[in-house]
Amino acid sequence: MGINPTLCPASGASLLCGRAEISKISEQLYTLEEAKRRRAEHQAAIALAEGEIRRLENMLQSDGHKVAPLDAIRIEIRSIRDMNLDNATHEEKVDVIARLGIKVYPS
């Protein structure tokens, strides 16, 4: 591997730049055993991730789930919220108001 001329000026500092580059390269190398181990670890992680992707895709297809637009989801959540508030008891409504930190004073 040669010296990168863009990193080393032609003013006689090429030997210093060459040593710095060799030092940089040697810090990044792995032994054959380390490289094989790291490759196996990365391949195992990739296989695990691909398996999870396949599992999730199969789950979506088998359950008939479809990706809904965000606005449709918001509308559905609001209708569930409204239904829950309409069907809530007085104590449940008081609890919700207390959780929100709203103070209600009698008039």
PDB file of N, CA and C in Angstrom:
ATOM      1  N   MET A   1       0.866  -1.176   0.000  1.00  0.00           N
ATOM      2  CA  MET A   1       0.000   0.000   0.000  1.00  0.00           C
ATOM      3  C   MET A   1       0.900   1.221   0.000  1.00  0.00           C
ATOM      4  N   GLY A   2       0.655   2.161  -0.881  1.00  0.00           N
ATOM      5  CA  GLY A   2       1.475   3.355  -0.998  1.00  0.00           C
ATOM      6  C   GLY A   2       1.008   4.451  -0.074  1.00  0.00           C
ATOM      7  N   ILE A   3       1.784   5.487  -0.055  1.00  0.00           N
ATOM      8  CA  ILE A   3       1.465   6.643   0.786  1.00  0.00           C
ATOM      9  C   ILE A   3       0.460   7.504   0.052  1.00  0.00           C
ATOM     10  N   ASN A   4      -0.517   7.961   0.753  1.00  0.00           N
ATOM     11  CA  ASN A   4      -1.550   8.804   0.153  1.00  0.00           C
ATOM     12  C   ASN A   4      -0.964  10.197  -0.056  1.00  0.00           C
ATOM     13  N   PRO A   5      -0.778  10.617  -1.296  1.00  0.00           N
ATOM     14  CA  PRO A   5      -0.145  11.916  -1.537  1.00  0.00           C
ATOM     15  C   PRO A   5      -0.986  13.092  -1.072  1.00  0.00           C
ATOM     16  N   THR A   6      -2.282  12.928  -0.918  1.00  0.00           N
ATOM     17  CA  THR A   6      -3.101  14.042  -0.469  1.00  0.00           C
ATOM     18  C   THR A   6      -2.935  14.272   1.019  1.00  0.00           C
ATOM     19  N   LEU A   7      -2.510  13.244   1.758  1.00  0.00           N
ATOM     20  CA  LEU A   7      -2.317  13.395   3.197  1.00  0.00           C
ATOM     21  C   LEU A   7      -0.902  13.813   3.545  1.00  0.00           C
ATOM     22  N   CYS A   8       0.064  13.496   2.677  1.00  0.00           N
ATOM     23  CA  CYS A   8       1.469  13.763   2.967  1.00  0.00           C
ATOM     24  C   CYS A   8       2.010  14.817   2.025  1.00  0.00           C
ATOM     25  N   PRO A   9       2.426  15.934   2.562  1.00  0.00           N
ATOM     26  CA  PRO A   9       3.001  16.967   1.698  1.00  0.00           C
ATOM     27  C   PRO A   9       4.347  16.511   1.147  1.00  0.00           C
ATOM     28  N   ALA A  10       4.724  17.079   0.039  1.00  0.00           N
ATOM     29  CA  ALA A  10       5.976  16.707  -0.627  1.00  0.00           C
ATOM     30  C   ALA A  10       7.180  17.386   0.000  1.00  0.00           C
ATOM     31  N   SER A  11       7.055  17.949   1.161  1.00  0.00           N
ATOM     32  CA  SER A  11       8.141  18.708   1.778  1.00  0.00           C
ATOM     33  C   SER A  11       9.023  17.850   2.670  1.00  0.00           C
ATOM     34  N   GLY A  12       9.182  16.564   2.380  1.00  0.00           N
ATOM     35  CA  GLY A  12      10.082  15.727   3.153  1.00  0.00           C
ATOM     36  C   GLY A  12       9.421  15.012   4.307  1.00  0.00           C
ATOM     37  N   ALA A  13       8.123  15.178   4.506  1.00  0.00           N
ATOM     38  CA  ALA A  13       7.435  14.526   5.614  1.00  0.00           C
ATOM     39  C   ALA A  13       6.848  13.188   5.189  1.00  0.00           C
ATOM     40  N   SER A  14       7.241  12.686   4.005  1.00  0.00           N
ATOM     41  CA  SER A  14       6.642  11.453   3.495  1.00  0.00           C
ATOM     42  C   SER A  14       6.981  10.254   4.362  1.00  0.00           C
ATOM     43  N   LEU A  15       8.177  10.197   4.933  1.00  0.00           N
ATOM     44  CA  LEU A  15       8.547   9.079   5.794  1.00  0.00           C
ATOM     45  C   LEU A  15       7.670   9.061   7.034  1.00  0.00           C
ATOM     46  N   LEU A  16       7.450  10.215   7.623  1.00  0.00           N
ATOM     47  CA  LEU A  16       6.589  10.325   8.798  1.00  0.00           C
ATOM     48  C   LEU A  16       5.160   9.928   8.447  1.00  0.00           C
ATOM     49  N   CYS A  17       4.676  10.378   7.303  1.00  0.00           N
ATOM     50  CA  CYS A  17       3.321  10.029   6.879  1.00  0.00           C
ATOM     51  C   CYS A  17       3.216   8.536   6.603  1.00  0.00           C
ATOM     52  N   GLY A  18       4.232   7.942   6.016  1.00  0.00           N
ATOM     53  CA  GLY A  18       4.219   6.506   5.734  1.00  0.00           C
ATOM     54  C   GLY A  18       4.129   5.697   7.002  1.00  0.00           C
ATOM     55  N   ARG A  19       4.895   6.083   8.027  1.00  0.00           N
ATOM     56  CA  ARG A  19       4.845   5.372   9.308  1.00  0.00           C
ATOM     57  C   ARG A  19       3.479   5.533   9.971  1.00  0.00           C
ATOM     58  N   ALA A  20       2.901   6.710   9.875  1.00  0.00           N
ATOM     59  CA  ALA A  20       1.588   6.949  10.464  1.00  0.00           C
ATOM     60  C   ALA A  20       0.540   6.092   9.768  1.00  0.00           C
ATOM     61  N   GLU A  21       0.677   5.964   8.439  1.00  0.00           N
ATOM     62  CA  GLU A  21      -0.290   5.166   7.695  1.00  0.00           C
ATOM     63  C   GLU A  21      -0.141   3.685   8.035  1.00  0.00           C
ATOM     64  N   ILE A  22       1.089   3.199   8.147  1.00  0.00           N
ATOM     65  CA  ILE A  22       1.314   1.799   8.530  1.00  0.00           C
ATOM     66  C   ILE A  22       0.769   1.545   9.920  1.00  0.00           C
ATOM     67  N   SER A  23       0.987   2.480  10.836  1.00  0.00           N
ATOM     68  CA  SER A  23       0.457   2.338  12.189  1.00  0.00           C
ATOM     69  C   SER A  23      -1.059   2.280  12.166  1.00  0.00           C
ATOM     70  N   LYS A  24      -1.673   3.122  11.373  1.00  0.00           N
ATOM     71  CA  LYS A  24      -3.138   3.163  11.273  1.00  0.00           C
ATOM     72  C   LYS A  24      -3.669   1.842  10.707  1.00  0.00           C
ATOM     73  N   ILE A  25      -3.020   1.317   9.690  1.00  0.00           N
ATOM     74  CA  ILE A  25      -3.460   0.067   9.072  1.00  0.00           C
ATOM     75  C   ILE A  25      -3.302  -1.089  10.046  1.00  0.00           C
ATOM     76  N   SER A  26      -2.190  -1.164  10.748  1.00  0.00           N
ATOM     77  CA  SER A  26      -1.956  -2.297  11.645  1.00  0.00           C
ATOM     78  C   SER A  26      -2.928  -2.312  12.813  1.00  0.00           C
ATOM     79  N   GLU A  27      -3.458  -1.152  13.202  1.00  0.00           N
ATOM     80  CA  GLU A  27      -4.441  -1.106  14.279  1.00  0.00           C
ATOM     81  C   GLU A  27      -5.781  -1.675  13.832  1.00  0.00           C
ATOM     82  N   GLN A  28      -6.053  -1.710  12.539  1.00  0.00           N
ATOM     83  CA  GLN A  28      -7.341  -2.145  12.031  1.00  0.00           C
ATOM     84  C   GLN A  28      -7.343  -3.608  11.581  1.00  0.00           C
ATOM     85  N   LEU A  29      -6.226  -4.268  11.571  1.00  0.00           N
ATOM     86  CA  LEU A  29      -6.161  -5.647  11.105  1.00  0.00           C
ATOM     87  C   LEU A  29      -6.518  -6.610  12.220  1.00  0.00           C
ATOM     88  N   TYR A  30      -7.064  -7.770  11.826  1.00  0.00           N
ATOM     89  CA  TYR A  30      -7.397  -8.825  12.768  1.00  0.00           C
ATOM     90  C   TYR A  30      -6.615 -10.070  12.385  1.00  0.00           C
ATOM     91  N   THR A  31      -6.404 -10.919  13.362  1.00  0.00           N
ATOM     92  CA  THR A  31      -5.809 -12.210  13.046  1.00  0.00           C
ATOM     93  C   THR A  31      -6.849 -13.024  12.291  1.00  0.00           C
ATOM     94  N   LEU A  32      -6.410 -14.112  11.663  1.00  0.00           N
ATOM     95  CA  LEU A  32      -7.326 -14.943  10.896  1.00  0.00           C
ATOM     96  C   LEU A  32      -8.432 -15.492  11.789  1.00  0.00           C
ATOM     97  N   GLU A  33      -8.077 -15.915  12.989  1.00  0.00           N
ATOM     98  CA  GLU A  33      -9.074 -16.461  13.910  1.00  0.00           C
ATOM     99  C   GLU A  33     -10.071 -15.389  14.341  1.00  0.00           C
ATOM    100  N   GLU A  34      -9.564 -14.177  14.637  1.00  0.00           N
ATOM    101  CA  GLU A  34     -10.457 -13.082  15.026  1.00  0.00           C
ATOM    102  C   GLU A  34     -11.395 -12.720  13.880  1.00  0.00           C
ATOM    103  N   ALA A  35     -10.861 -12.679  12.671  1.00  0.00           N
ATOM    104  CA  ALA A  35     -11.682 -12.327  11.508  1.00  0.00           C
ATOM    105  C   ALA A  35     -12.775 -13.375  11.285  1.00  0.00           C
ATOM    106  N   LYS A  36     -12.414 -14.661  11.408  1.00  0.00           N
ATOM    107  CA  LYS A  36     -13.411 -15.726  11.244  1.00  0.00           C
ATOM    108  C   LYS A  36     -14.475 -15.647  12.337  1.00  0.00           C
ATOM    109  N   ARG A  37     -14.054 -15.384  13.562  1.00  0.00           N
ATOM    110  CA  ARG A  37     -14.995 -15.284  14.675  1.00  0.00           C
ATOM    111  C   ARG A  37     -15.940 -14.107  14.467  1.00  0.00           C
ATOM    112  N   ARG A  38     -15.369 -12.956  14.112  1.00  0.00           N
ATOM    113  CA  ARG A  38     -16.190 -11.766  13.903  1.00  0.00           C
ATOM    114  C   ARG A  38     -17.161 -11.974  12.733  1.00  0.00           C
ATOM    115  N   ARG A  39     -16.675 -12.619  11.664  1.00  0.00           N
ATOM    116  CA  ARG A  39     -17.538 -12.884  10.514  1.00  0.00           C
ATOM    117  C   ARG A  39     -18.685 -13.805  10.917  1.00  0.00           C
ATOM    118  N   ALA A  40     -18.383 -14.840  11.688  1.00  0.00           N
ATOM    119  CA  ALA A  40     -19.429 -15.764  12.135  1.00  0.00           C
ATOM    120  C   ALA A  40     -20.442 -15.048  13.027  1.00  0.00           C
ATOM    121  N   GLU A  41     -19.961 -14.174  13.911  1.00  0.00           N
ATOM    122  CA  GLU A  41     -20.873 -13.415  14.782  1.00  0.00           C
ATOM    123  C   GLU A  41     -21.789 -12.518  13.960  1.00  0.00           C
ATOM    124  N   HIS A  42     -21.221 -11.848  12.973  1.00  0.00           N
ATOM    125  CA  HIS A  42     -22.023 -10.951  12.139  1.00  0.00           C
ATOM    126  C   HIS A  42     -23.024 -11.733  11.290  1.00  0.00           C
ATOM    127  N   GLN A  43     -22.602 -12.882  10.765  1.00  0.00           N
ATOM    128  CA  GLN A  43     -23.519 -13.711   9.976  1.00  0.00           C
ATOM    129  C   GLN A  43     -24.657 -14.237  10.848  1.00  0.00           C
ATOM    130  N   ALA A  44     -24.346 -14.596  12.091  1.00  0.00           N
ATOM    131  CA  ALA A  44     -25.392 -15.068  13.002  1.00  0.00           C
ATOM    132  C   ALA A  44     -26.381 -13.943  13.306  1.00  0.00           C
ATOM    133  N   ALA A  45     -25.872 -12.734  13.514  1.00  0.00           N
ATOM    134  CA  ALA A  45     -26.753 -11.595  13.781  1.00  0.00           C
ATOM    135  C   ALA A  45     -27.629 -11.289  12.571  1.00  0.00           C
ATOM    136  N   ILE A  46     -27.057 -11.375  11.388  1.00  0.00           N
ATOM    137  CA  ILE A  46     -27.826 -11.129  10.165  1.00  0.00           C
ATOM    138  C   ILE A  46     -28.909 -12.196  10.006  1.00  0.00           C
ATOM    139  N   ALA A  47     -28.548 -13.452  10.235  1.00  0.00           N
ATOM    140  CA  ALA A  47     -29.523 -14.539  10.115  1.00  0.00           C
ATOM    141  C   ALA A  47     -30.661 -14.354  11.119  1.00  0.00           C
ATOM    142  N   LEU A  48     -30.332 -13.945  12.334  1.00  0.00           N
ATOM    143  CA  LEU A  48     -31.346 -13.710  13.354  1.00  0.00           C
ATOM    144  C   LEU A  48     -32.289 -12.582  12.928  1.00  0.00           C
ATOM    145  N   ALA A  49     -31.731 -11.500  12.410  1.00  0.00           N
ATOM    146  CA  ALA A  49     -32.547 -10.369  11.970  1.00  0.00           C
ATOM    147  C   ALA A  49     -33.428 -10.755  10.776  1.00  0.00           C
ATOM    148  N   GLU A  50     -32.867 -11.507   9.834  1.00  0.00           N
ATOM    149  CA  GLU A  50     -33.669 -11.940   8.684  1.00  0.00           C
ATOM    150  C   GLU A  50     -34.795 -12.865   9.121  1.00  0.00           C
ATOM    151  N   GLY A  51     -34.521 -13.740  10.089  1.00  0.00           N
ATOM    152  CA  GLY A  51     -35.561 -14.620  10.620  1.00  0.00           C
ATOM    153  C   GLY A  51     -36.676 -13.833  11.281  1.00  0.00           C
ATOM    154  N   GLU A  52     -36.316 -12.806  12.020  1.00  0.00           N
ATOM    155  CA  GLU A  52     -37.319 -11.962  12.671  1.00  0.00           C
ATOM    156  C   GLU A  52     -38.150 -11.216  11.639  1.00  0.00           C
ATOM    157  N   ILE A  53     -37.515 -10.748  10.585  1.00  0.00           N
ATOM    158  CA  ILE A  53     -38.240 -10.062   9.514  1.00  0.00           C
ATOM    159  C   ILE A  53     -39.246 -11.021   8.874  1.00  0.00           C
ATOM    160  N   ARG A  54     -38.801 -12.246   8.565  1.00  0.00           N
ATOM    161  CA  ARG A  54     -39.710 -13.234   7.973  1.00  0.00           C
ATOM    162  C   ARG A  54     -40.858 -13.551   8.921  1.00  0.00           C
ATOM    163  N   ARG A  55     -40.563 -13.687  10.214  1.00  0.00           N
ATOM    164  CA  ARG A  55     -41.606 -13.994  11.196  1.00  0.00           C
ATOM    165  C   ARG A  55     -42.652 -12.878  11.233  1.00  0.00           C
ATOM    166  N   LEU A  56     -42.206 -11.642  11.259  1.00  0.00           N
ATOM    167  CA  LEU A  56     -43.138 -10.514  11.299  1.00  0.00           C
ATOM    168  C   LEU A  56     -43.939 -10.404  10.008  1.00  0.00           C
ATOM    169  N   GLU A  57     -43.284 -10.635   8.862  1.00  0.00           N
ATOM    170  CA  GLU A  57     -44.012 -10.591   7.591  1.00  0.00           C
ATOM    171  C   GLU A  57     -45.072 -11.684   7.536  1.00  0.00           C
ATOM    172  N   ASN A  58     -44.730 -12.887   8.002  1.00  0.00           N
ATOM    173  CA  ASN A  58     -45.705 -13.985   8.020  1.00  0.00           C
ATOM    174  C   ASN A  58     -46.863 -13.676   8.957  1.00  0.00           C
ATOM    175  N   MET A  59     -46.547 -13.072  10.097  1.00  0.00           N
ATOM    176  CA  MET A  59     -47.583 -12.729  11.058  1.00  0.00           C
ATOM    177  C   MET A  59     -48.544 -11.702  10.451  1.00  0.00           C
ATOM    178  N   LEU A  60     -48.012 -10.723   9.764  1.00  0.00           N
ATOM    179  CA  LEU A  60     -48.855  -9.713   9.132  1.00  0.00           C
ATOM    180  C   LEU A  60     -49.727 -10.324   8.044  1.00  0.00           C
ATOM    181  N   GLN A  61     -49.174 -11.224   7.258  1.00  0.00           N
ATOM    182  CA  GLN A  61     -49.936 -11.836   6.167  1.00  0.00           C
ATOM    183  C   GLN A  61     -50.997 -12.789   6.691  1.00  0.00           C
ATOM    184  N   SER A  62     -50.660 -13.579   7.700  1.00  0.00           N
ATOM    185  CA  SER A  62     -51.608 -14.578   8.181  1.00  0.00           C
ATOM    186  C   SER A  62     -52.752 -13.960   8.973  1.00  0.00           C
ATOM    187  N   ASP A  63     -52.490 -12.884   9.684  1.00  0.00           N
ATOM    188  CA  ASP A  63     -53.532 -12.246  10.480  1.00  0.00           C
ATOM    189  C   ASP A  63     -54.395 -11.298   9.662  1.00  0.00           C
ATOM    190  N   GLY A  64     -54.012 -11.065   8.449  1.00  0.00           N
ATOM    191  CA  GLY A  64     -54.788 -10.157   7.606  1.00  0.00           C
ATOM    192  C   GLY A  64     -54.607  -8.701   7.992  1.00  0.00           C
ATOM    193  N   HIS A  65     -53.567  -8.400   8.750  1.00  0.00           N
ATOM    194  CA  HIS A  65     -53.307  -7.009   9.109  1.00  0.00           C
ATOM    195  C   HIS A  65     -52.877  -6.238   7.868  1.00  0.00           C
ATOM    196  N   LYS A  66     -53.344  -5.048   7.800  1.00  0.00           N
ATOM    197  CA  LYS A  66     -52.951  -4.180   6.705  1.00  0.00           C
ATOM    198  C   LYS A  66     -52.462  -2.873   7.313  1.00  0.00           C
ATOM    199  N   VAL A  67     -51.541  -2.280   6.639  1.00  0.00           N
ATOM    200  CA  VAL A  67     -51.041  -0.993   7.099  1.00  0.00           C
ATOM    201  C   VAL A  67     -52.094   0.051   6.770  1.00  0.00           C
ATOM    202  N   ALA A  68     -52.560   0.722   7.815  1.00  0.00           N
ATOM    203  CA  ALA A  68     -53.604   1.728   7.636  1.00  0.00           C
ATOM    204  C   ALA A  68     -52.969   3.117   7.613  1.00  0.00           C
ATOM    205  N   PRO A  69     -53.592   4.022   6.890  1.00  0.00           N
ATOM    206  CA  PRO A  69     -53.091   5.397   6.893  1.00  0.00           C
ATOM    207  C   PRO A  69     -53.189   5.999   8.297  1.00  0.00           C
ATOM    208  N   LEU A  70     -52.296   6.896   8.594  1.00  0.00           N
ATOM    209  CA  LEU A  70     -52.222   7.503   9.914  1.00  0.00           C
ATOM    210  C   LEU A  70     -53.527   8.199  10.300  1.00  0.00           C
ATOM    211  N   ASP A  71     -54.158   8.868   9.362  1.00  0.00           N
ATOM    212  CA  ASP A  71     -55.419   9.561   9.665  1.00  0.00           C
ATOM    213  C   ASP A  71     -56.514   8.576  10.064  1.00  0.00           C
ATOM    214  N   ALA A  72     -56.557   7.422   9.409  1.00  0.00           N
ATOM    215  CA  ALA A  72     -57.562   6.407   9.758  1.00  0.00           C
ATOM    216  C   ALA A  72     -57.333   5.883  11.170  1.00  0.00           C
ATOM    217  N   ILE A  73     -56.077   5.714  11.529  1.00  0.00           N
ATOM    218  CA  ILE A  73     -55.755   5.245  12.883  1.00  0.00           C
ATOM    219  C   ILE A  73     -56.172   6.292  13.916  1.00  0.00           C
ATOM    220  N   ARG A  74     -55.896   7.558  13.628  1.00  0.00           N
ATOM    221  CA  ARG A  74     -56.288   8.633  14.560  1.00  0.00           C
ATOM    222  C   ARG A  74     -57.803   8.670  14.765  1.00  0.00           C
ATOM    223  N   ILE A  75     -58.530   8.526  13.679  1.00  0.00           N
ATOM    224  CA  ILE A  75     -60.001   8.543  13.772  1.00  0.00           C
ATOM    225  C   ILE A  75     -60.486   7.372  14.618  1.00  0.00           C
ATOM    226  N   GLU A  76     -59.911   6.197  14.401  1.00  0.00           N
ATOM    227  CA  GLU A  76     -60.308   5.018  15.173  1.00  0.00           C
ATOM    228  C   GLU A  76     -59.993   5.191  16.657  1.00  0.00           C
ATOM    229  N   ILE A  77     -58.834   5.732  16.954  1.00  0.00           N
ATOM    230  CA  ILE A  77     -58.463   5.952  18.363  1.00  0.00           C
ATOM    231  C   ILE A  77     -59.394   6.972  19.013  1.00  0.00           C
ATOM    232  N   ARG A  78     -59.733   8.027  18.282  1.00  0.00           N
ATOM    233  CA  ARG A  78     -60.655   9.026  18.839  1.00  0.00           C
ATOM    234  C   ARG A  78     -62.034   8.422  19.104  1.00  0.00           C
ATOM    235  N   SER A  79     -62.495   7.570  18.204  1.00  0.00           N
ATOM    236  CA  SER A  79     -63.809   6.964  18.435  1.00  0.00           C
ATOM    237  C   SER A  79     -63.779   6.027  19.635  1.00  0.00           C
ATOM    238  N   ILE A  80     -62.681   5.299  19.809  1.00  0.00           N
ATOM    239  CA  ILE A  80     -62.554   4.436  20.992  1.00  0.00           C
ATOM    240  C   ILE A  80     -62.500   5.285  22.257  1.00  0.00           C
ATOM    241  N   ARG A  81     -61.756   6.392  22.194  1.00  0.00           N
ATOM    242  CA  ARG A  81     -61.693   7.298  23.346  1.00  0.00           C
ATOM    243  C   ARG A  81     -63.070   7.826  23.707  1.00  0.00           C
ATOM    244  N   ASP A  82     -63.799   8.294  22.704  1.00  0.00           N
ATOM    245  CA  ASP A  82     -65.138   8.843  22.954  1.00  0.00           C
ATOM    246  C   ASP A  82     -66.070   7.782  23.531  1.00  0.00           C
ATOM    247  N   MET A  83     -65.991   6.568  22.992  1.00  0.00           N
ATOM    248  CA  MET A  83     -66.832   5.488  23.493  1.00  0.00           C
ATOM    249  C   MET A  83     -66.480   5.170  24.953  1.00  0.00           C
ATOM    250  N   ASN A  84     -65.177   5.147  25.261  1.00  0.00           N
ATOM    251  CA  ASN A  84     -64.770   4.874  26.644  1.00  0.00           C
ATOM    252  C   ASN A  84     -65.234   5.971  27.597  1.00  0.00           C
ATOM    253  N   LEU A  85     -65.152   7.219  27.152  1.00  0.00           N
ATOM    254  CA  LEU A  85     -65.617   8.309  28.013  1.00  0.00           C
ATOM    255  C   LEU A  85     -67.133   8.281  28.197  1.00  0.00           C
ATOM    256  N   ASP A  86     -67.855   7.946  27.137  1.00  0.00           N
ATOM    257  CA  ASP A  86     -69.318   7.872  27.235  1.00  0.00           C
ATOM    258  C   ASP A  86     -69.761   6.753  28.171  1.00  0.00           C
ATOM    259  N   ASN A  87     -69.033   5.649  28.178  1.00  0.00           N
ATOM    260  CA  ASN A  87     -69.422   4.492  28.982  1.00  0.00           C
ATOM    261  C   ASN A  87     -68.781   4.470  30.367  1.00  0.00           C
ATOM    262  N   ALA A  88     -67.928   5.449  30.669  1.00  0.00           N
ATOM    263  CA  ALA A  88     -67.239   5.470  31.956  1.00  0.00           C
ATOM    264  C   ALA A  88     -68.184   5.887  33.084  1.00  0.00           C
ATOM    265  N   THR A  89     -67.917   5.334  34.254  1.00  0.00           N
ATOM    266  CA  THR A  89     -68.689   5.733  35.434  1.00  0.00           C
ATOM    267  C   THR A  89     -68.185   7.078  35.924  1.00  0.00           C
ATOM    268  N   HIS A  90     -68.917   7.680  36.855  1.00  0.00           N
ATOM    269  CA  HIS A  90     -68.510   8.964  37.416  1.00  0.00           C
ATOM    270  C   HIS A  90     -67.132   8.854  38.075  1.00  0.00           C
ATOM    271  N   GLU A  91     -66.882   7.765  38.812  1.00  0.00           N
ATOM    272  CA  GLU A  91     -65.591   7.578  39.485  1.00  0.00           C
ATOM    273  C   GLU A  91     -64.445   7.459  38.468  1.00  0.00           C
ATOM    274  N   GLU A  92     -64.689   6.775  37.351  1.00  0.00           N
ATOM    275  CA  GLU A  92     -63.658   6.640  36.327  1.00  0.00           C
ATOM    276  C   GLU A  92     -63.357   7.987  35.673  1.00  0.00           C
ATOM    277  N   LYS A  93     -64.391   8.795  35.472  1.00  0.00           N
ATOM    278  CA  LYS A  93     -64.180  10.121  34.896  1.00  0.00           C
ATOM    279  C   LYS A  93     -63.405  11.006  35.859  1.00  0.00           C
ATOM    280  N   VAL A  94     -63.722  10.913  37.168  1.00  0.00           N
ATOM    281  CA  VAL A  94     -62.989  11.681  38.180  1.00  0.00           C
ATOM    282  C   VAL A  94     -61.526  11.257  38.194  1.00  0.00           C
ATOM    283  N   ASP A  95     -61.277   9.959  38.056  1.00  0.00           N
ATOM    284  CA  ASP A  95     -59.909   9.445  38.032  1.00  0.00           C
ATOM    285  C   ASP A  95     -59.135   9.978  36.831  1.00  0.00           C
ATOM    286  N   VAL A  96     -59.777  10.024  35.669  1.00  0.00           N
ATOM    287  CA  VAL A  96     -59.123  10.543  34.463  1.00  0.00           C
ATOM    288  C   VAL A  96     -58.787  12.015  34.648  1.00  0.00           C
ATOM    289  N   ILE A  97     -59.713  12.779  35.197  1.00  0.00           N
ATOM    290  CA  ILE A  97     -59.483  14.211  35.422  1.00  0.00           C
ATOM    291  C   ILE A  97     -58.335  14.411  36.410  1.00  0.00           C
ATOM    292  N   ALA A  98     -58.275  13.580  37.447  1.00  0.00           N
ATOM    293  CA  ALA A  98     -57.190  13.686  38.430  1.00  0.00           C
ATOM    294  C   ALA A  98     -55.849  13.330  37.799  1.00  0.00           C
ATOM    295  N   ARG A  99     -55.817  12.320  36.948  1.00  0.00           N
ATOM    296  CA  ARG A  99     -54.565  11.924  36.277  1.00  0.00           C
ATOM    297  C   ARG A  99     -54.055  13.024  35.357  1.00  0.00           C
ATOM    298  N   LEU A 100     -54.975  13.756  34.762  1.00  0.00           N
ATOM    299  CA  LEU A 100     -54.584  14.856  33.886  1.00  0.00           C
ATOM    300  C   LEU A 100     -54.156  16.094  34.651  1.00  0.00           C
ATOM    301  N   GLY A 101     -54.388  16.089  35.959  1.00  0.00           N
ATOM    302  CA  GLY A 101     -53.992  17.227  36.789  1.00  0.00           C
ATOM    303  C   GLY A 101     -54.937  18.395  36.700  1.00  0.00           C
ATOM    304  N   ILE A 102     -56.166  18.130  36.319  1.00  0.00           N
ATOM    305  CA  ILE A 102     -57.168  19.186  36.208  1.00  0.00           C
ATOM    306  C   ILE A 102     -57.888  19.314  37.544  1.00  0.00           C
ATOM    307  N   LYS A 103     -57.969  20.518  38.041  1.00  0.00           N
ATOM    308  CA  LYS A 103     -58.662  20.754  39.296  1.00  0.00           C
ATOM    309  C   LYS A 103     -60.054  21.282  39.007  1.00  0.00           C
ATOM    310  N   VAL A 104     -61.045  20.651  39.610  1.00  0.00           N
ATOM    311  CA  VAL A 104     -62.442  21.039  39.405  1.00  0.00           C
ATOM    312  C   VAL A 104     -62.979  21.547  40.732  1.00  0.00           C
ATOM    313  N   TYR A 105     -63.496  22.766  40.705  1.00  0.00           N
ATOM    314  CA  TYR A 105     -64.058  23.368  41.910  1.00  0.00           C
ATOM    315  C   TYR A 105     -65.565  23.479  41.744  1.00  0.00           C
ATOM    316  N   PRO A 106     -66.319  23.210  42.795  1.00  0.00           N
ATOM    317  CA  PRO A 106     -67.781  23.345  42.691  1.00  0.00           C
ATOM    318  C   PRO A 106     -68.158  24.804  42.497  1.00  0.00           C
ATOM    319  N   SER A 107     -69.205  25.015  41.773  1.00  0.00           N
ATOM    320  CA  SER A 107     -69.630  26.400  41.512  1.00  0.00           C
ATOM    321  C   SER A 107     -70.680  26.838  42.502  1.00  0.00           C
TER     322      SER A 107
END
